Amino acid sequence: MASGGSSKIWSVFSLAAAIGAATVAKKTLNTSWKAATGKNPPANPADPDVEIWEAVAWAAASGTFIQIARMLAARKAAHYYAKSTGHLPAELQKDGQDASKASTPTS
């Protein structure tokens, strides 16, 4: 299969994984928030009627939890993709983060 087709398959696959993970994470987070606070999560944390502590807590919790879920789903999708094709998608090839191969900074 050409790399262009492979790239399109990866794009669709990773998008589906991210959307699915974000949906599940949001439902889980909404349920947890309601159980912990006894209230629904703020629909719009920027609304001045929402207490600042609640807005900040919701923004931090939802942003963190949803991004972690998306990252885990993307990693799982990449693992499945690599297992199916024998290689990682081009977007996920090694990115030079190996500290032993990094050049030393100069001042």
N, C-alpha and C. Protein backbone atom coordinates (compact mmCIF):
# COMPACT_ATOMS: atom_id res chain seq x y z
N MET A 1 0.85 -1.19 0.00
CA MET A 1 0.00 0.00 0.00
C MET A 1 0.88 1.24 0.00
N ALA A 2 0.51 2.22 -0.75
CA ALA A 2 1.29 3.46 -0.83
C ALA A 2 1.25 4.19 0.49
N SER A 3 2.29 4.97 0.75
CA SER A 3 2.35 5.68 2.03
C SER A 3 1.23 6.70 2.15
N GLY A 4 0.74 7.26 1.03
CA GLY A 4 -0.38 8.20 1.09
C GLY A 4 -1.64 7.53 1.59
N GLY A 5 -1.92 6.31 1.09
CA GLY A 5 -3.09 5.57 1.55
C GLY A 5 -2.94 5.16 3.00
N SER A 6 -1.74 4.75 3.35
CA SER A 6 -1.45 4.36 4.73
C SER A 6 -1.64 5.55 5.67
N SER A 7 -1.23 6.72 5.22
CA SER A 7 -1.38 7.93 6.03
C SER A 7 -2.85 8.28 6.23
N LYS A 8 -3.65 8.10 5.18
CA LYS A 8 -5.08 8.39 5.30
C LYS A 8 -5.75 7.41 6.25
N ILE A 9 -5.37 6.15 6.17
CA ILE A 9 -5.93 5.15 7.08
C ILE A 9 -5.57 5.52 8.52
N TRP A 10 -4.31 5.90 8.74
CA TRP A 10 -3.89 6.28 10.09
C TRP A 10 -4.66 7.50 10.57
N SER A 11 -4.86 8.49 9.71
CA SER A 11 -5.58 9.70 10.09
C SER A 11 -7.00 9.37 10.56
N VAL A 12 -7.69 8.54 9.79
CA VAL A 12 -9.06 8.15 10.16
C VAL A 12 -9.04 7.34 11.44
N PHE A 13 -8.13 6.40 11.53
CA PHE A 13 -8.04 5.52 12.69
C PHE A 13 -7.74 6.31 13.96
N SER A 14 -6.77 7.22 13.89
CA SER A 14 -6.41 7.99 15.09
C SER A 14 -7.52 8.98 15.47
N LEU A 15 -8.19 9.54 14.47
CA LEU A 15 -9.30 10.45 14.76
C LEU A 15 -10.44 9.71 15.46
N ALA A 16 -10.77 8.53 14.98
CA ALA A 16 -11.84 7.74 15.61
C ALA A 16 -11.47 7.37 17.05
N ALA A 17 -10.22 7.00 17.27
CA ALA A 17 -9.77 6.65 18.62
C ALA A 17 -9.85 7.86 19.54
N ALA A 18 -9.42 9.02 19.05
CA ALA A 18 -9.43 10.24 19.87
C ALA A 18 -10.86 10.66 20.22
N ILE A 19 -11.75 10.62 19.24
CA ILE A 19 -13.14 11.01 19.49
C ILE A 19 -13.79 10.04 20.47
N GLY A 20 -13.57 8.76 20.27
CA GLY A 20 -14.13 7.76 21.18
C GLY A 20 -13.61 7.94 22.61
N ALA A 21 -12.32 8.14 22.74
CA ALA A 21 -11.72 8.32 24.06
C ALA A 21 -12.23 9.59 24.73
N ALA A 22 -12.33 10.67 23.99
CA ALA A 22 -12.82 11.94 24.55
C ALA A 22 -14.27 11.81 25.00
N THR A 23 -15.08 11.10 24.23
CA THR A 23 -16.48 10.91 24.58
C THR A 23 -16.62 10.11 25.87
N VAL A 24 -15.91 9.01 25.96
CA VAL A 24 -15.96 8.18 27.17
C VAL A 24 -15.41 8.96 28.36
N ALA A 25 -14.31 9.67 28.17
CA ALA A 25 -13.70 10.44 29.25
C ALA A 25 -14.65 11.51 29.75
N LYS A 26 -15.32 12.21 28.84
CA LYS A 26 -16.23 13.28 29.25
C LYS A 26 -17.41 12.72 30.04
N LYS A 27 -17.97 11.61 29.60
CA LYS A 27 -19.08 10.99 30.33
C LYS A 27 -18.64 10.55 31.72
N THR A 28 -17.47 9.94 31.78
CA THR A 28 -16.93 9.50 33.07
C THR A 28 -16.67 10.69 33.98
N LEU A 29 -16.08 11.74 33.43
CA LEU A 29 -15.77 12.93 34.21
C LEU A 29 -17.04 13.62 34.70
N ASN A 30 -18.05 13.74 33.84
CA ASN A 30 -19.32 14.36 34.25
C ASN A 30 -19.96 13.59 35.41
N THR A 31 -19.96 12.27 35.31
CA THR A 31 -20.53 11.43 36.37
C THR A 31 -19.74 11.59 37.67
N SER A 32 -18.42 11.59 37.55
CA SER A 32 -17.57 11.73 38.74
C SER A 32 -17.75 13.10 39.39
N TRP A 33 -17.84 14.13 38.56
CA TRP A 33 -18.02 15.50 39.08
C TRP A 33 -19.32 15.60 39.88
N LYS A 34 -20.38 15.04 39.29
CA LYS A 34 -21.69 15.10 39.94
C LYS A 34 -21.67 14.32 41.25
N ALA A 35 -21.00 13.18 41.28
CA ALA A 35 -20.91 12.38 42.50
C ALA A 35 -20.09 13.11 43.57
N ALA A 36 -19.04 13.79 43.16
CA ALA A 36 -18.15 14.47 44.12
C ALA A 36 -18.74 15.77 44.64
N THR A 37 -19.42 16.53 43.77
CA THR A 37 -19.89 17.85 44.18
C THR A 37 -21.39 17.92 44.42
N GLY A 38 -22.14 16.95 43.91
CA GLY A 38 -23.59 16.99 44.03
C GLY A 38 -24.23 17.93 43.02
N LYS A 39 -23.41 18.48 42.11
CA LYS A 39 -23.91 19.42 41.09
C LYS A 39 -23.45 18.95 39.72
N ASN A 40 -24.15 19.43 38.69
CA ASN A 40 -23.69 19.19 37.33
C ASN A 40 -22.44 20.02 37.09
N PRO A 41 -21.54 19.55 36.22
CA PRO A 41 -20.36 20.36 35.92
C PRO A 41 -20.78 21.66 35.22
N PRO A 42 -19.99 22.71 35.37
CA PRO A 42 -20.36 23.97 34.73
C PRO A 42 -20.40 23.83 33.20
N ALA A 43 -21.48 24.29 32.60
CA ALA A 43 -21.62 24.25 31.15
C ALA A 43 -20.65 25.22 30.50
N ASN A 44 -20.43 26.36 31.14
CA ASN A 44 -19.50 27.36 30.63
C ASN A 44 -18.71 27.94 31.80
N PRO A 45 -17.51 27.43 32.04
CA PRO A 45 -16.71 27.90 33.17
C PRO A 45 -16.40 29.40 33.13
N ALA A 46 -16.50 30.02 31.96
CA ALA A 46 -16.22 31.46 31.84
C ALA A 46 -17.39 32.31 32.34
N ASP A 47 -18.54 31.70 32.57
CA ASP A 47 -19.72 32.42 33.06
C ASP A 47 -19.41 33.00 34.44
N PRO A 48 -19.59 34.32 34.64
CA PRO A 48 -19.30 34.93 35.94
C PRO A 48 -20.17 34.39 37.08
N ASP A 49 -21.28 33.75 36.76
CA ASP A 49 -22.12 33.17 37.81
C ASP A 49 -21.55 31.86 38.37
N VAL A 50 -20.59 31.28 37.67
CA VAL A 50 -19.93 30.06 38.15
C VAL A 50 -18.82 30.49 39.10
N GLU A 51 -18.79 29.88 40.29
CA GLU A 51 -17.75 30.23 41.26
C GLU A 51 -16.38 29.94 40.66
N ILE A 52 -15.41 30.80 40.98
CA ILE A 52 -14.07 30.69 40.38
C ILE A 52 -13.41 29.36 40.71
N TRP A 53 -13.56 28.88 41.94
CA TRP A 53 -12.93 27.60 42.30
C TRP A 53 -13.49 26.47 41.45
N GLU A 54 -14.81 26.55 41.19
CA GLU A 54 -15.46 25.52 40.41
C GLU A 54 -15.02 25.58 38.94
N ALA A 55 -14.92 26.78 38.42
CA ALA A 55 -14.49 26.96 37.03
C ALA A 55 -13.06 26.46 36.83
N VAL A 56 -12.17 26.83 37.75
CA VAL A 56 -10.77 26.41 37.64
C VAL A 56 -10.64 24.90 37.81
N ALA A 57 -11.33 24.35 38.79
CA ALA A 57 -11.27 22.90 39.03
C ALA A 57 -11.81 22.13 37.83
N TRP A 58 -12.92 22.60 37.27
CA TRP A 58 -13.49 21.91 36.11
C TRP A 58 -12.56 22.00 34.90
N ALA A 59 -12.02 23.17 34.65
CA ALA A 59 -11.12 23.35 33.51
C ALA A 59 -9.89 22.45 33.65
N ALA A 60 -9.31 22.42 34.84
CA ALA A 60 -8.11 21.60 35.07
C ALA A 60 -8.43 20.11 34.96
N ALA A 61 -9.50 19.69 35.61
CA ALA A 61 -9.85 18.27 35.60
C ALA A 61 -10.25 17.79 34.21
N SER A 62 -11.11 18.55 33.56
CA SER A 62 -11.59 18.09 32.25
C SER A 62 -10.48 18.14 31.20
N GLY A 63 -9.71 19.19 31.20
CA GLY A 63 -8.62 19.28 30.23
C GLY A 63 -7.60 18.17 30.41
N THR A 64 -7.20 17.94 31.63
CA THR A 64 -6.21 16.90 31.92
C THR A 64 -6.75 15.52 31.60
N PHE A 65 -7.93 15.21 32.12
CA PHE A 65 -8.50 13.87 31.97
C PHE A 65 -8.77 13.54 30.50
N ILE A 66 -9.33 14.46 29.76
CA ILE A 66 -9.66 14.21 28.36
C ILE A 66 -8.39 14.06 27.53
N GLN A 67 -7.39 14.90 27.77
CA GLN A 67 -6.14 14.79 27.01
C GLN A 67 -5.40 13.48 27.31
N ILE A 68 -5.42 13.05 28.56
CA ILE A 68 -4.78 11.77 28.91
C ILE A 68 -5.51 10.63 28.21
N ALA A 69 -6.83 10.65 28.22
CA ALA A 69 -7.60 9.61 27.54
C ALA A 69 -7.31 9.59 26.05
N ARG A 70 -7.23 10.76 25.43
CA ARG A 70 -6.92 10.84 24.00
C ARG A 70 -5.52 10.31 23.70
N MET A 71 -4.55 10.67 24.56
CA MET A 71 -3.19 10.20 24.37
C MET A 71 -3.10 8.68 24.50
N LEU A 72 -3.77 8.11 25.50
CA LEU A 72 -3.76 6.67 25.68
C LEU A 72 -4.42 5.97 24.49
N ALA A 73 -5.51 6.52 23.99
CA ALA A 73 -6.19 5.95 22.83
C ALA A 73 -5.29 6.02 21.59
N ALA A 74 -4.60 7.13 21.41
CA ALA A 74 -3.70 7.28 20.27
C ALA A 74 -2.55 6.27 20.35
N ARG A 75 -2.04 6.06 21.54
CA ARG A 75 -0.96 5.08 21.71
C ARG A 75 -1.46 3.67 21.39
N LYS A 76 -2.66 3.36 21.86
CA LYS A 76 -3.25 2.05 21.59
C LYS A 76 -3.50 1.88 20.09
N ALA A 77 -4.01 2.93 19.46
CA ALA A 77 -4.25 2.89 18.01
C ALA A 77 -2.93 2.72 17.26
N ALA A 78 -1.88 3.40 17.69
CA ALA A 78 -0.57 3.28 17.03
C ALA A 78 -0.02 1.87 17.19
N HIS A 79 -0.21 1.29 18.36
CA HIS A 79 0.24 -0.08 18.59
C HIS A 79 -0.50 -1.04 17.65
N TYR A 80 -1.80 -0.89 17.55
CA TYR A 80 -2.60 -1.74 16.66
C TYR A 80 -2.19 -1.53 15.20
N TYR A 81 -2.00 -0.27 14.81
CA TYR A 81 -1.59 0.05 13.45
C TYR A 81 -0.24 -0.60 13.13
N ALA A 82 0.71 -0.46 14.04
CA ALA A 82 2.04 -1.02 13.82
C ALA A 82 1.98 -2.54 13.75
N LYS A 83 1.16 -3.14 14.58
CA LYS A 83 1.01 -4.59 14.57
C LYS A 83 0.39 -5.05 13.25
N SER A 84 -0.54 -4.27 12.73
CA SER A 84 -1.23 -4.63 11.48
C SER A 84 -0.38 -4.39 10.24
N THR A 85 0.41 -3.34 10.24
CA THR A 85 1.17 -2.96 9.03
C THR A 85 2.65 -3.29 9.12
N GLY A 86 3.15 -3.52 10.32
CA GLY A 86 4.58 -3.80 10.48
C GLY A 86 5.42 -2.56 10.69
N HIS A 87 4.78 -1.39 10.74
CA HIS A 87 5.54 -0.14 10.97
C HIS A 87 4.61 0.91 11.58
N LEU A 88 5.21 1.86 12.23
CA LEU A 88 4.44 2.99 12.76
C LEU A 88 4.06 3.92 11.62
N PRO A 89 2.99 4.68 11.78
CA PRO A 89 2.68 5.69 10.77
C PRO A 89 3.80 6.73 10.74
N ALA A 90 3.96 7.37 9.60
CA ALA A 90 5.04 8.35 9.43
C ALA A 90 5.00 9.43 10.50
N GLU A 91 3.80 9.82 10.92
CA GLU A 91 3.67 10.88 11.92
C GLU A 91 4.26 10.49 13.27
N LEU A 92 4.44 9.19 13.50
CA LEU A 92 4.91 8.72 14.81
C LEU A 92 6.30 8.09 14.76
N GLN A 93 7.03 8.31 13.69
CA GLN A 93 8.39 7.78 13.61
C GLN A 93 9.23 8.43 14.72
N LYS A 94 10.33 7.80 15.05
CA LYS A 94 11.19 8.31 16.12
C LYS A 94 11.45 9.80 15.94
N ASP A 95 11.38 10.53 17.04
CA ASP A 95 11.48 11.99 16.95
C ASP A 95 12.73 12.56 17.60
N GLY A 96 13.73 11.74 17.81
CA GLY A 96 15.00 12.26 18.31
C GLY A 96 15.00 12.60 19.79
N GLN A 97 14.14 11.97 20.58
CA GLN A 97 14.11 12.27 22.00
C GLN A 97 15.07 11.40 22.82
N ASP A 98 15.86 10.59 22.16
CA ASP A 98 16.83 9.76 22.86
C ASP A 98 17.91 10.67 23.45
N ALA A 99 17.95 10.77 24.76
CA ALA A 99 18.88 11.68 25.44
C ALA A 99 20.34 11.33 25.16
N SER A 100 20.62 10.06 24.95
CA SER A 100 22.03 9.66 24.72
C SER A 100 22.52 10.14 23.36
N LYS A 101 21.61 10.46 22.44
CA LYS A 101 22.00 10.92 21.12
C LYS A 101 21.82 12.41 20.93
N ALA A 102 21.36 13.07 21.96
CA ALA A 102 21.13 14.52 21.86
C ALA A 102 22.46 15.26 21.88
N SER A 103 22.51 16.33 21.12
CA SER A 103 23.73 17.14 21.14
C SER A 103 23.77 17.94 22.43
N THR A 104 24.95 18.20 22.90
CA THR A 104 25.08 18.96 24.13
C THR A 104 24.90 20.43 23.84
N PRO A 105 24.11 21.12 24.68
CA PRO A 105 23.88 22.55 24.45
C PRO A 105 25.15 23.35 24.69
N THR A 106 25.32 24.37 23.89
CA THR A 106 26.46 25.27 24.08
C THR A 106 25.96 26.64 24.50
N SER A 107 26.74 27.29 25.28
CA SER A 107 26.32 28.61 25.76
C SER A 107 26.87 29.71 24.91
